[in-house]
Amino acid sequence: MDHDIVILFEHPEWQKPLFEALEKRGTRFTAVDLKAGSFSDRDPPLAPVYFNQASPSAYLRGNVRAVPFALALMRSLAYKGARVINGADVFALELSKSAQASLLRRLGIGTPHSVAFNDVGALRSRKDLRFPALLKPEQGGSGARIQLVEDLSALERHIESHPETWLPDHLLLLQEFVPYDPEHGIVRMEFVGGELLYSMRVVTHGRYNLCPSPACNPDRDGSAGSCGTTPAAPPVEFHPFVAPKSAVESGKRILEAAGIEIGGIEYLEGLDGRRVFYDINANSNLRPSIGDHFGIKPFEKVVDHLEKVIHDALKRAA
């Protein structure tokens, strides 16, 4: 094989820091753009290791075909014996907010009550709805189409007047809204190889696109990013933060149960004293400025892990 690792990607900006770190290290890699491609059952893997960097938000950029293509390709690669980091099963979990909630519930980790539905009428007979609630696409994707609704009637009116809410797959999630201190924000923890890389507070200012990539949420000016969203003022703020040990341990349990090797976990501390985890991300856009605060180079740490996986894969093959 001419390559030791293949990076599967869709977003042209997000992967640049990773590519630069790989090039600097001299790692033999190639990249496969998921927006347009093909494969057959006879095609051998291009490398012993693949790293999935597909994102649920691809449809927001007009790349709706990238997600099913990524899933099919990674399933095929697994049967062909390739080692796929954050492969099809992991990506399927990232694509399903209801599955994430069920996993968290099984682990005994606090999470907002969530109800998935494909028809508003199916909600009318439910007795467990909690309002106000956040309406979300089941697939998620950079905070897209999240709406706070006060009751079932408001939900019905919103969907009726905004039929695009059903995109991309006609499946939505109604998630309990947990009030929290907006000055503190939510917390995102990043993990590499099962260990905490860093954590940060994210002050949202009412925005839902909390993508950590500077390409989407620039450090200073709040200008429009490249996540398919429009600018808003004030911009999202990212602050270095030392997460409590108990939260870090919960994050490790989540990633281990999910099989995620490199990823991010988001939680918030509710005004009612609850700590609730609500977002599991396998595509982790690292923020260099936060890494600088903790004296680390985030993408160098990712490459360290990738090279270890490559070494182990080549050793097994030999």
Protein backbone atom coordinates (compact mmCIF):
# COMPACT_ATOMS: atom_id res chain seq x y z
CA MET A 1 0.00 0.00 0.00
CA ASP A 2 1.16 3.51 -0.79
CA HIS A 3 -0.51 4.99 2.29
CA ASP A 4 -0.65 4.16 5.98
CA ILE A 5 -3.86 6.05 6.70
CA VAL A 6 -6.79 7.53 4.80
CA ILE A 7 -8.72 10.54 6.12
CA LEU A 8 -12.41 10.48 5.16
CA PHE A 9 -13.69 14.05 5.05
CA GLU A 10 -16.39 16.34 3.70
CA HIS A 11 -15.68 19.82 5.06
CA PRO A 12 -12.83 21.52 3.14
CA GLU A 13 -11.72 23.80 6.00
CA TRP A 14 -12.03 21.64 9.10
CA GLN A 15 -9.34 19.16 8.08
CA LYS A 16 -6.62 21.62 7.12
CA PRO A 17 -4.96 21.67 10.58
CA LEU A 18 -5.00 17.87 10.68
CA PHE A 19 -3.52 17.60 7.19
CA GLU A 20 -0.81 20.09 8.14
CA ALA A 21 0.06 18.11 11.28
CA LEU A 22 0.24 14.87 9.31
CA GLU A 23 2.45 16.46 6.66
CA LYS A 24 4.72 17.94 9.31
CA ARG A 25 5.11 14.50 10.89
CA GLY A 26 5.79 12.86 7.55
CA THR A 27 2.88 10.46 7.90
CA ARG A 28 1.96 8.67 4.66
CA PHE A 29 -1.67 9.68 4.25
CA THR A 30 -4.22 10.44 1.62
CA ALA A 31 -7.66 12.05 1.87
CA VAL A 32 -10.95 10.86 0.37
CA ASP A 33 -13.61 13.51 -0.20
CA LEU A 34 -17.01 12.02 0.66
CA LYS A 35 -19.01 14.53 -1.36
CA ALA A 36 -18.59 12.52 -4.58
CA GLY A 37 -17.18 9.02 -4.84
CA SER A 38 -17.65 5.37 -5.65
CA PHE A 39 -16.41 1.98 -4.47
CA SER A 40 -17.02 -1.68 -5.22
CA ASP A 41 -16.85 -4.91 -3.29
CA ARG A 42 -13.63 -5.71 -5.19
CA ASP A 43 -11.79 -2.49 -4.30
CA PRO A 44 -9.05 -3.20 -1.73
CA PRO A 45 -8.50 -0.71 1.11
CA LEU A 46 -6.14 2.13 0.22
CA ALA A 47 -4.46 1.84 3.63
CA PRO A 48 -4.62 -0.39 6.72
CA VAL A 49 -6.18 2.46 8.75
CA TYR A 50 -8.98 4.93 7.97
CA PHE A 51 -9.99 7.93 10.10
CA ASN A 52 -13.59 9.04 9.71
CA GLN A 53 -14.09 12.81 9.79
CA ALA A 54 -17.57 12.90 8.26
CA SER A 55 -20.06 15.22 9.92
CA PRO A 56 -23.83 15.06 10.51
CA SER A 57 -23.99 18.69 9.38
CA ALA A 58 -22.97 17.86 5.79
CA TYR A 59 -26.53 18.39 4.55
CA LEU A 60 -26.40 22.03 5.70
CA ARG A 61 -23.70 22.63 3.07
CA GLY A 62 -25.61 20.89 0.29
CA ASN A 63 -23.64 17.67 0.80
CA VAL A 64 -26.53 15.46 1.85
CA ARG A 65 -25.09 12.48 -0.08
CA ALA A 66 -21.88 12.44 1.97
CA VAL A 67 -23.47 10.87 5.07
CA PRO A 68 -25.02 7.73 3.55
CA PHE A 69 -21.94 7.30 1.35
CA ALA A 70 -19.67 7.46 4.41
CA LEU A 71 -21.74 4.86 6.25
CA ALA A 72 -21.79 2.47 3.31
CA LEU A 73 -18.07 2.89 2.62
CA MET A 74 -17.06 2.32 6.24
CA ARG A 75 -19.22 -0.78 6.56
CA SER A 76 -17.60 -2.19 3.45
CA LEU A 77 -14.11 -1.32 4.69
CA ALA A 78 -14.74 -3.08 7.99
CA TYR A 79 -15.67 -6.30 6.19
CA LYS A 80 -12.50 -5.96 4.12
CA GLY A 81 -10.38 -5.87 7.25
CA ALA A 82 -9.47 -2.19 7.42
CA ARG A 83 -9.16 -0.54 10.81
CA VAL A 84 -11.66 2.35 10.77
CA ILE A 85 -11.31 4.88 13.58
CA ASN A 86 -14.77 6.16 14.57
CA GLY A 87 -16.30 3.85 11.98
CA ALA A 88 -19.84 3.09 10.87
CA ASP A 89 -21.27 2.11 14.28
CA VAL A 90 -19.78 5.19 15.92
CA PHE A 91 -20.96 7.46 13.11
CA ALA A 92 -24.46 5.96 13.31
CA LEU A 93 -24.55 6.91 17.00
CA GLU A 94 -23.40 10.44 16.21
CA LEU A 95 -26.23 10.69 13.67
CA SER A 96 -28.90 9.76 16.23
CA LYS A 97 -29.71 12.04 19.15
CA SER A 98 -32.26 9.49 20.41
CA ALA A 99 -29.66 6.70 20.40
CA GLN A 100 -27.27 8.97 22.31
CA ALA A 101 -29.97 9.63 24.91
CA SER A 102 -30.66 5.90 25.24
CA LEU A 103 -26.96 5.15 25.69
CA LEU A 104 -26.63 7.81 28.39
CA ARG A 105 -29.75 6.51 30.13
CA ARG A 106 -28.34 2.96 30.06
CA LEU A 107 -25.08 4.17 31.59
CA GLY A 108 -26.95 5.96 34.37
CA ILE A 109 -25.58 9.33 33.27
CA GLY A 110 -27.89 12.33 33.48
CA THR A 111 -29.40 13.41 30.18
CA PRO A 112 -32.47 15.46 29.16
CA HIS A 113 -35.66 13.51 28.52
CA SER A 114 -35.93 13.07 24.73
CA VAL A 115 -38.73 11.93 22.41
CA ALA A 116 -38.12 11.11 18.74
CA PHE A 117 -41.01 11.43 16.28
CA ASN A 118 -41.80 11.46 12.56
CA ASP A 119 -45.32 12.89 12.85
CA VAL A 120 -46.58 15.59 15.19
CA GLY A 121 -49.86 13.75 15.66
CA ALA A 122 -47.97 10.88 17.29
CA LEU A 123 -47.10 13.21 20.19
CA ARG A 124 -50.65 14.12 21.17
CA SER A 125 -51.30 10.94 23.17
CA ARG A 126 -47.97 11.01 25.03
CA LYS A 127 -48.05 11.85 28.72
CA ASP A 128 -44.29 12.31 29.15
CA LEU A 129 -43.72 15.50 27.15
CA ARG A 130 -41.93 18.22 29.09
CA PHE A 131 -42.15 21.87 28.09
CA PRO A 132 -40.49 24.14 27.35
CA ALA A 133 -38.47 21.88 25.08
CA LEU A 134 -35.86 22.08 22.38
CA LEU A 135 -36.90 20.89 18.95
CA LYS A 136 -33.95 19.37 17.08
CA PRO A 137 -33.27 17.31 13.97
CA GLU A 138 -32.67 13.73 15.10
CA GLN A 139 -29.49 13.76 12.99
CA GLY A 140 -28.25 16.99 14.56
CA GLY A 141 -25.59 19.01 12.77
CA SER A 142 -23.95 22.24 14.01
CA GLY A 143 -27.00 23.40 15.94
CA ALA A 144 -29.16 23.42 12.82
CA ARG A 145 -32.87 24.20 13.12
CA ILE A 146 -32.95 24.02 16.91
CA GLN A 147 -35.98 25.85 18.23
CA LEU A 148 -37.26 26.44 21.76
CA VAL A 149 -40.98 25.65 21.90
CA GLU A 150 -43.27 26.40 24.84
CA ASP A 151 -45.95 23.77 24.27
CA LEU A 152 -47.32 21.29 21.76
CA SER A 153 -49.39 23.93 19.97
CA ALA A 154 -46.31 26.09 19.45
CA LEU A 155 -44.48 23.05 18.11
CA GLU A 156 -47.28 22.34 15.62
CA ARG A 157 -47.37 25.96 14.45
CA HIS A 158 -43.61 26.09 14.00
CA ILE A 159 -43.43 22.93 11.90
CA GLU A 160 -46.44 23.97 9.83
CA SER A 161 -44.85 27.31 8.98
CA HIS A 162 -41.33 25.86 8.58
CA PRO A 163 -41.66 22.52 6.75
CA GLU A 164 -37.89 22.51 6.14
CA THR A 165 -37.61 21.64 9.84
CA TRP A 166 -38.10 17.99 8.82
CA LEU A 167 -34.86 17.93 6.85
CA PRO A 168 -32.79 15.91 6.27
CA ASP A 169 -34.64 12.67 7.11
CA HIS A 170 -38.13 13.54 8.38
CA LEU A 171 -37.19 12.61 11.93
CA LEU A 172 -37.16 15.10 14.81
CA LEU A 173 -36.35 15.14 18.51
CA LEU A 174 -38.20 16.95 21.28
CA GLN A 175 -35.72 17.35 24.13
CA GLU A 176 -36.37 18.65 27.63
CA PHE A 177 -34.99 22.17 28.08
CA VAL A 178 -32.74 22.40 31.15
CA PRO A 179 -32.14 26.04 32.24
CA TYR A 180 -28.54 26.89 33.09
CA ASP A 181 -26.44 29.94 33.91
CA PRO A 182 -25.85 31.67 30.55
CA GLU A 183 -22.82 33.49 31.93
CA HIS A 184 -21.11 30.18 32.61
CA GLY A 185 -22.33 28.44 29.48
CA ILE A 186 -22.04 24.76 28.63
CA VAL A 187 -18.92 22.61 28.87
CA ARG A 188 -17.24 20.68 26.08
CA MET A 189 -14.59 18.08 26.82
CA GLU A 190 -12.28 16.75 24.10
CA PHE A 191 -10.76 13.27 24.32
CA VAL A 192 -8.04 11.52 22.33
CA GLY A 193 -7.33 7.83 22.82
CA GLY A 194 -9.62 7.63 25.82
CA GLU A 195 -7.91 10.43 27.73
CA LEU A 196 -8.99 14.02 28.28
CA LEU A 197 -7.20 16.44 25.96
CA TYR A 198 -8.78 19.60 27.36
CA SER A 199 -12.11 21.05 28.40
CA MET A 200 -13.63 24.47 27.78
CA ARG A 201 -16.62 26.57 28.68
CA VAL A 202 -18.72 27.71 25.74
CA VAL A 203 -20.77 30.86 26.32
CA THR A 204 -23.45 30.64 23.66
CA HIS A 205 -25.22 34.04 23.78
CA GLY A 206 -28.33 32.24 22.62
CA ARG A 207 -26.74 30.64 19.58
CA TYR A 208 -26.91 26.93 18.86
CA ASN A 209 -24.04 26.51 16.40
CA LEU A 210 -21.26 25.80 18.91
CA CYS A 211 -18.85 24.25 16.44
CA PRO A 212 -15.38 24.64 18.04
CA SER A 213 -13.58 25.06 14.72
CA PRO A 214 -12.26 28.62 14.23
CA ALA A 215 -13.43 28.22 10.63
CA CYS A 216 -17.03 28.23 11.93
CA ASN A 217 -16.78 30.36 15.05
CA PRO A 218 -13.79 32.70 14.64
CA ASP A 219 -11.89 33.67 17.76
CA ARG A 220 -12.56 37.41 17.68
CA ASP A 221 -14.77 39.06 15.13
CA GLY A 222 -17.95 36.98 15.09
CA SER A 223 -17.97 37.01 11.29
CA ALA A 224 -19.77 34.37 9.26
CA GLY A 225 -18.12 30.98 9.49
CA SER A 226 -18.13 28.06 7.09
CA CYS A 227 -20.67 25.83 8.85
CA GLY A 228 -23.56 27.00 6.73
CA THR A 229 -24.82 29.48 9.32
CA THR A 230 -25.24 33.24 9.40
CA PRO A 231 -23.29 35.51 11.73
CA ALA A 232 -24.86 36.73 14.94
CA ALA A 233 -23.69 39.14 17.59
CA PRO A 234 -22.24 38.71 20.07
CA PRO A 235 -20.19 35.72 18.93
CA VAL A 236 -19.88 32.43 20.78
CA GLU A 237 -17.11 32.55 23.39
CA PHE A 238 -14.71 29.68 24.16
CA HIS A 239 -12.86 29.72 27.50
CA PRO A 240 -10.34 27.23 28.94
CA PHE A 241 -11.90 25.29 31.78
CA VAL A 242 -10.87 22.52 34.17
CA ALA A 243 -13.82 20.14 34.21
CA PRO A 244 -14.61 18.34 37.48
CA LYS A 245 -13.08 14.89 37.78
CA SER A 246 -16.55 13.32 38.02
CA ALA A 247 -17.56 14.90 34.69
CA VAL A 248 -14.35 13.71 33.03
CA GLU A 249 -14.94 10.17 34.29
CA SER A 250 -18.48 10.26 32.90
CA GLY A 251 -17.07 11.42 29.56
CA LYS A 252 -14.61 8.53 29.50
CA ARG A 253 -17.39 6.03 30.23
CA ILE A 254 -19.50 7.45 27.42
CA LEU A 255 -16.71 7.27 24.84
CA GLU A 256 -15.70 3.76 25.89
CA ALA A 257 -19.28 2.51 25.64
CA ALA A 258 -19.68 4.20 22.25
CA GLY A 259 -16.34 3.00 20.87
CA ILE A 260 -15.23 6.57 20.13
CA GLU A 261 -11.45 7.03 20.05
CA ILE A 262 -11.33 10.75 19.28
CA GLY A 263 -14.33 12.87 20.14
CA GLY A 264 -16.06 15.55 22.16
CA ILE A 265 -18.73 15.43 24.86
CA GLU A 266 -20.96 18.34 25.86
CA TYR A 267 -22.77 18.81 29.15
CA LEU A 268 -24.32 21.58 31.20
CA GLU A 269 -24.93 22.26 34.87
CA GLY A 270 -28.62 22.99 35.29
CA LEU A 271 -29.98 25.63 37.67
CA ASP A 272 -31.77 22.73 39.40
CA GLY A 273 -28.40 21.17 40.30
CA ARG A 274 -28.47 18.47 37.64
CA ARG A 275 -25.49 17.79 35.40
CA VAL A 276 -26.84 16.63 32.05
CA PHE A 277 -24.92 15.31 29.07
CA TYR A 278 -26.64 15.96 25.76
CA ASP A 279 -24.22 15.72 22.82
CA ILE A 280 -21.75 13.03 21.74
CA ASN A 281 -19.46 14.03 18.88
CA ALA A 282 -17.18 11.70 16.96
CA ASN A 283 -16.04 14.45 14.60
CA SER A 284 -14.03 16.63 16.93
CA ASN A 285 -13.03 20.08 15.68
CA LEU A 286 -10.25 21.10 18.02
CA ARG A 287 -9.57 24.69 19.00
CA PRO A 288 -5.85 25.61 18.92
CA SER A 289 -6.28 28.64 21.20
CA ILE A 290 -7.61 26.42 24.00
CA GLY A 291 -4.76 24.00 23.44
CA ASP A 292 -2.29 26.87 23.72
CA HIS A 293 -3.68 27.76 27.14
CA PHE A 294 -3.00 24.23 28.38
CA GLY A 295 0.38 24.04 26.64
CA ILE A 296 -0.58 21.42 24.07
CA LYS A 297 -0.89 21.21 20.32
CA PRO A 298 -4.26 19.47 19.84
CA PHE A 299 -3.70 18.18 16.32
CA GLU A 300 -0.24 16.90 17.23
CA LYS A 301 -1.92 14.83 19.95
CA VAL A 302 -4.36 13.46 17.37
CA VAL A 303 -1.49 12.50 15.08
CA ASP A 304 0.25 10.80 18.02
CA HIS A 305 -2.81 8.57 18.43
CA LEU A 306 -3.18 7.97 14.70
CA GLU A 307 0.44 6.89 14.40
CA LYS A 308 0.03 4.48 17.31
CA VAL A 309 -3.00 2.93 15.59
CA ILE A 310 -1.06 2.71 12.31
CA HIS A 311 1.89 1.03 14.09
CA ASP A 312 -0.40 -1.54 15.73
CA ALA A 313 -2.20 -2.25 12.44
CA LEU A 314 1.03 -2.76 10.51
CA LYS A 315 2.38 -4.98 13.29
CA ARG A 316 -0.71 -7.20 13.13
CA ALA A 317 -0.53 -7.36 9.34
CA ALA A 318 3.11 -8.47 9.50
